[in-house]
Amino acid sequence: MGGQRLVANQPLAPGSCYDMRLDIPVREDHTRSVDISAICQWPKKDAKNARFEQGFKLDRPSTAFTELVTSKSVSFKRSLLGRARLQ
């Protein structure tokens, strides 16, 4: 809820704030765009593919982002419960 991991070809500067747009699937044929600001916490080179993993902390998550993540979390939990009942 408060962070994300990003994989990129180049490292980003720790402590720097970046504005990003996330396109999040909400249905099979539809995405929802949410703008966020995030602060790079750490970059780490992935030795396997020479790319960089970076951890970000959200800076003042918007209401739209919080609502979207909460709704996705509820959907995911319901999906898990449904699978557990089927087994």
N, C-alpha and C. Protein backbone atom coordinates (compact mmCIF):
# COMPACT_ATOMS: atom_id res chain seq x y z
N MET A 1 0.81 -1.19 0.00
CA MET A 1 0.00 0.00 0.00
C MET A 1 0.86 1.26 0.00
N GLY A 2 2.01 1.22 0.65
CA GLY A 2 2.82 2.44 0.77
C GLY A 2 4.04 2.48 -0.12
N GLY A 3 4.21 1.46 -0.97
CA GLY A 3 5.41 1.46 -1.80
C GLY A 3 5.27 0.59 -3.02
N GLN A 4 6.33 0.58 -3.81
CA GLN A 4 6.35 -0.24 -5.01
C GLN A 4 7.78 -0.52 -5.40
N ARG A 5 7.94 -1.53 -6.25
CA ARG A 5 9.24 -1.89 -6.81
C ARG A 5 9.16 -1.67 -8.31
N LEU A 6 10.20 -1.07 -8.86
CA LEU A 6 10.26 -0.77 -10.28
C LEU A 6 11.53 -1.38 -10.85
N VAL A 7 11.44 -1.97 -12.03
CA VAL A 7 12.61 -2.50 -12.73
C VAL A 7 12.88 -1.60 -13.92
N ALA A 8 14.13 -1.16 -14.07
CA ALA A 8 14.48 -0.24 -15.15
C ALA A 8 15.89 -0.56 -15.67
N ASN A 9 16.23 0.04 -16.80
CA ASN A 9 17.54 -0.18 -17.39
C ASN A 9 18.64 0.61 -16.70
N GLN A 10 18.28 1.69 -16.00
CA GLN A 10 19.27 2.52 -15.32
C GLN A 10 18.81 2.79 -13.90
N PRO A 11 19.78 2.99 -12.99
CA PRO A 11 19.39 3.28 -11.60
C PRO A 11 18.87 4.71 -11.47
N LEU A 12 17.99 4.90 -10.50
CA LEU A 12 17.50 6.23 -10.17
C LEU A 12 18.13 6.66 -8.86
N ALA A 13 18.17 7.96 -8.63
CA ALA A 13 18.86 8.50 -7.46
C ALA A 13 18.06 8.31 -6.18
N PRO A 14 18.66 7.63 -5.18
CA PRO A 14 17.97 7.48 -3.90
C PRO A 14 17.69 8.85 -3.29
N GLY A 15 16.52 8.99 -2.70
CA GLY A 15 16.11 10.25 -2.08
C GLY A 15 15.42 11.21 -3.03
N SER A 16 15.45 10.92 -4.32
CA SER A 16 14.79 11.79 -5.30
C SER A 16 13.32 11.42 -5.44
N CYS A 17 12.50 12.44 -5.70
CA CYS A 17 11.06 12.24 -5.87
C CYS A 17 10.74 12.21 -7.36
N TYR A 18 9.91 11.26 -7.76
CA TYR A 18 9.53 11.08 -9.15
C TYR A 18 8.01 11.07 -9.26
N ASP A 19 7.50 11.75 -10.29
CA ASP A 19 6.08 11.69 -10.60
C ASP A 19 5.88 10.56 -11.60
N MET A 20 4.90 9.70 -11.33
CA MET A 20 4.66 8.53 -12.17
C MET A 20 3.17 8.39 -12.46
N ARG A 21 2.88 7.70 -13.54
CA ARG A 21 1.49 7.34 -13.86
C ARG A 21 1.43 5.82 -13.92
N LEU A 22 0.57 5.25 -13.09
CA LEU A 22 0.36 3.80 -13.09
C LEU A 22 -0.88 3.48 -13.88
N ASP A 23 -0.78 2.55 -14.82
CA ASP A 23 -1.94 2.04 -15.55
C ASP A 23 -2.27 0.69 -14.96
N ILE A 24 -3.33 0.63 -14.17
CA ILE A 24 -3.68 -0.55 -13.39
C ILE A 24 -4.89 -1.24 -14.01
N PRO A 25 -4.77 -2.55 -14.30
CA PRO A 25 -5.93 -3.26 -14.85
C PRO A 25 -7.06 -3.34 -13.81
N VAL A 26 -8.25 -2.95 -14.23
CA VAL A 26 -9.41 -3.06 -13.34
C VAL A 26 -10.39 -4.11 -13.85
N ARG A 27 -10.35 -4.38 -15.14
CA ARG A 27 -11.10 -5.46 -15.76
C ARG A 27 -10.22 -6.00 -16.88
N GLU A 28 -10.64 -7.08 -17.46
CA GLU A 28 -9.85 -7.72 -18.51
C GLU A 28 -9.53 -6.77 -19.66
N ASP A 29 -10.45 -5.90 -20.01
CA ASP A 29 -10.26 -5.03 -21.17
C ASP A 29 -10.16 -3.55 -20.82
N HIS A 30 -9.88 -3.24 -19.54
CA HIS A 30 -9.88 -1.84 -19.13
C HIS A 30 -8.81 -1.59 -18.06
N THR A 31 -8.11 -0.46 -18.20
CA THR A 31 -7.16 -0.04 -17.18
C THR A 31 -7.58 1.31 -16.62
N ARG A 32 -7.08 1.62 -15.45
CA ARG A 32 -7.32 2.93 -14.83
C ARG A 32 -5.98 3.57 -14.54
N SER A 33 -5.80 4.81 -14.95
CA SER A 33 -4.56 5.53 -14.71
C SER A 33 -4.65 6.29 -13.40
N VAL A 34 -3.57 6.18 -12.62
CA VAL A 34 -3.49 6.89 -11.35
C VAL A 34 -2.12 7.56 -11.29
N ASP A 35 -2.10 8.86 -11.03
CA ASP A 35 -0.85 9.59 -10.90
C ASP A 35 -0.36 9.51 -9.45
N ILE A 36 0.94 9.27 -9.28
CA ILE A 36 1.52 9.20 -7.93
C ILE A 36 2.85 9.94 -7.92
N SER A 37 3.29 10.30 -6.73
CA SER A 37 4.64 10.79 -6.49
C SER A 37 5.29 9.78 -5.57
N ALA A 38 6.52 9.39 -5.91
CA ALA A 38 7.21 8.38 -5.12
C ALA A 38 8.67 8.77 -4.94
N ILE A 39 9.21 8.42 -3.79
CA ILE A 39 10.61 8.73 -3.47
C ILE A 39 11.42 7.44 -3.56
N CYS A 40 12.48 7.48 -4.35
CA CYS A 40 13.35 6.32 -4.50
C CYS A 40 14.06 6.05 -3.17
N GLN A 41 13.90 4.84 -2.66
CA GLN A 41 14.53 4.45 -1.39
C GLN A 41 15.85 3.72 -1.61
N TRP A 42 15.90 2.89 -2.66
CA TRP A 42 17.11 2.12 -2.93
C TRP A 42 17.11 1.61 -4.37
N PRO A 43 18.29 1.59 -5.01
CA PRO A 43 18.45 0.89 -6.28
C PRO A 43 19.35 -0.32 -6.06
N LYS A 44 19.13 -1.39 -6.81
CA LYS A 44 19.96 -2.58 -6.69
C LYS A 44 20.10 -3.20 -8.07
N LYS A 45 21.33 -3.47 -8.48
CA LYS A 45 21.55 -4.08 -9.79
C LYS A 45 21.22 -5.56 -9.73
N ASP A 46 20.46 -6.03 -10.70
CA ASP A 46 20.12 -7.44 -10.82
C ASP A 46 21.20 -8.10 -11.66
N ALA A 47 21.98 -8.96 -11.05
CA ALA A 47 23.12 -9.57 -11.74
C ALA A 47 22.69 -10.48 -12.90
N LYS A 48 21.49 -11.01 -12.84
CA LYS A 48 21.03 -11.94 -13.88
C LYS A 48 20.80 -11.26 -15.22
N ASN A 49 20.20 -10.07 -15.21
CA ASN A 49 19.85 -9.45 -16.49
C ASN A 49 20.36 -8.02 -16.64
N ALA A 50 21.25 -7.58 -15.79
CA ALA A 50 21.88 -6.26 -15.86
C ALA A 50 20.88 -5.11 -15.81
N ARG A 51 19.74 -5.33 -15.20
CA ARG A 51 18.77 -4.26 -15.00
C ARG A 51 18.81 -3.85 -13.54
N PHE A 52 18.06 -2.82 -13.21
CA PHE A 52 18.07 -2.30 -11.85
C PHE A 52 16.69 -2.40 -11.23
N GLU A 53 16.65 -2.96 -10.02
CA GLU A 53 15.43 -2.96 -9.21
C GLU A 53 15.53 -1.75 -8.30
N GLN A 54 14.40 -1.08 -8.09
CA GLN A 54 14.39 0.10 -7.25
C GLN A 54 13.16 0.10 -6.36
N GLY A 55 13.36 0.42 -5.11
CA GLY A 55 12.25 0.49 -4.18
C GLY A 55 11.81 1.93 -4.00
N PHE A 56 10.49 2.13 -4.00
CA PHE A 56 9.93 3.47 -3.86
C PHE A 56 8.95 3.52 -2.71
N LYS A 57 8.94 4.64 -2.02
CA LYS A 57 7.96 4.93 -0.98
C LYS A 57 7.03 6.00 -1.54
N LEU A 58 5.73 5.76 -1.43
CA LEU A 58 4.78 6.75 -1.94
C LEU A 58 4.84 8.01 -1.09
N ASP A 59 4.81 9.14 -1.78
CA ASP A 59 4.82 10.44 -1.13
C ASP A 59 3.42 11.02 -1.23
N ARG A 60 2.70 11.06 -0.13
CA ARG A 60 1.32 11.56 -0.09
C ARG A 60 0.43 10.85 -1.11
N PRO A 61 0.17 9.54 -0.92
CA PRO A 61 -0.69 8.82 -1.86
C PRO A 61 -2.05 9.52 -2.01
N SER A 62 -2.49 9.63 -3.25
CA SER A 62 -3.77 10.29 -3.52
C SER A 62 -4.93 9.41 -3.06
N THR A 63 -6.08 10.04 -2.89
CA THR A 63 -7.29 9.30 -2.53
C THR A 63 -7.62 8.28 -3.61
N ALA A 64 -7.45 8.66 -4.89
CA ALA A 64 -7.75 7.75 -6.00
C ALA A 64 -6.86 6.51 -5.93
N PHE A 65 -5.59 6.68 -5.61
CA PHE A 65 -4.68 5.55 -5.51
C PHE A 65 -5.07 4.65 -4.33
N THR A 66 -5.32 5.25 -3.19
CA THR A 66 -5.67 4.49 -1.99
C THR A 66 -6.96 3.68 -2.22
N GLU A 67 -7.96 4.31 -2.84
CA GLU A 67 -9.21 3.60 -3.12
C GLU A 67 -8.99 2.46 -4.10
N LEU A 68 -8.18 2.68 -5.12
CA LEU A 68 -7.92 1.64 -6.11
C LEU A 68 -7.19 0.45 -5.49
N VAL A 69 -6.16 0.72 -4.70
CA VAL A 69 -5.41 -0.37 -4.07
C VAL A 69 -6.30 -1.12 -3.08
N THR A 70 -7.11 -0.41 -2.34
CA THR A 70 -8.02 -1.06 -1.39
C THR A 70 -9.01 -1.96 -2.12
N SER A 71 -9.58 -1.47 -3.22
CA SER A 71 -10.56 -2.28 -3.96
C SER A 71 -9.89 -3.50 -4.57
N LYS A 72 -8.65 -3.35 -5.07
CA LYS A 72 -7.93 -4.49 -5.63
C LYS A 72 -7.61 -5.51 -4.53
N SER A 73 -7.27 -5.02 -3.35
CA SER A 73 -6.96 -5.91 -2.23
C SER A 73 -8.20 -6.71 -1.83
N VAL A 74 -9.34 -6.05 -1.77
CA VAL A 74 -10.59 -6.74 -1.42
C VAL A 74 -10.92 -7.78 -2.48
N SER A 75 -10.77 -7.43 -3.77
CA SER A 75 -11.05 -8.38 -4.86
C SER A 75 -10.12 -9.59 -4.77
N PHE A 76 -8.86 -9.33 -4.47
CA PHE A 76 -7.89 -10.42 -4.37
C PHE A 76 -8.24 -11.35 -3.21
N LYS A 77 -8.60 -10.77 -2.07
CA LYS A 77 -8.97 -11.59 -0.90
C LYS A 77 -10.21 -12.43 -1.20
N ARG A 78 -11.20 -11.84 -1.88
CA ARG A 78 -12.40 -12.60 -2.25
C ARG A 78 -12.04 -13.75 -3.19
N SER A 79 -11.13 -13.48 -4.11
CA SER A 79 -10.70 -14.51 -5.06
C SER A 79 -10.03 -15.66 -4.30
N LEU A 80 -9.19 -15.34 -3.35
CA LEU A 80 -8.53 -16.38 -2.55
C LEU A 80 -9.54 -17.18 -1.74
N LEU A 81 -10.53 -16.49 -1.16
CA LEU A 81 -11.55 -17.20 -0.39
C LEU A 81 -12.35 -18.13 -1.28
N GLY A 82 -12.68 -17.68 -2.48
CA GLY A 82 -13.42 -18.51 -3.43
C GLY A 82 -12.64 -19.76 -3.80
N ARG A 83 -11.35 -19.62 -4.01
CA ARG A 83 -10.51 -20.78 -4.34
C ARG A 83 -10.42 -21.73 -3.16
N ALA A 84 -10.33 -21.18 -1.95
CA ALA A 84 -10.22 -22.03 -0.76
C ALA A 84 -11.49 -22.86 -0.58
N ARG A 85 -12.64 -22.26 -0.90
CA ARG A 85 -13.90 -22.99 -0.76
C ARG A 85 -14.03 -24.09 -1.80
N LEU A 86 -13.44 -23.89 -2.97
CA LEU A 86 -13.54 -24.88 -4.04
C LEU A 86 -12.68 -26.11 -3.76
N GLN A 87 -11.65 -25.95 -2.98
CA GLN A 87 -10.72 -27.07 -2.75
C GLN A 87 -11.24 -28.06 -1.77
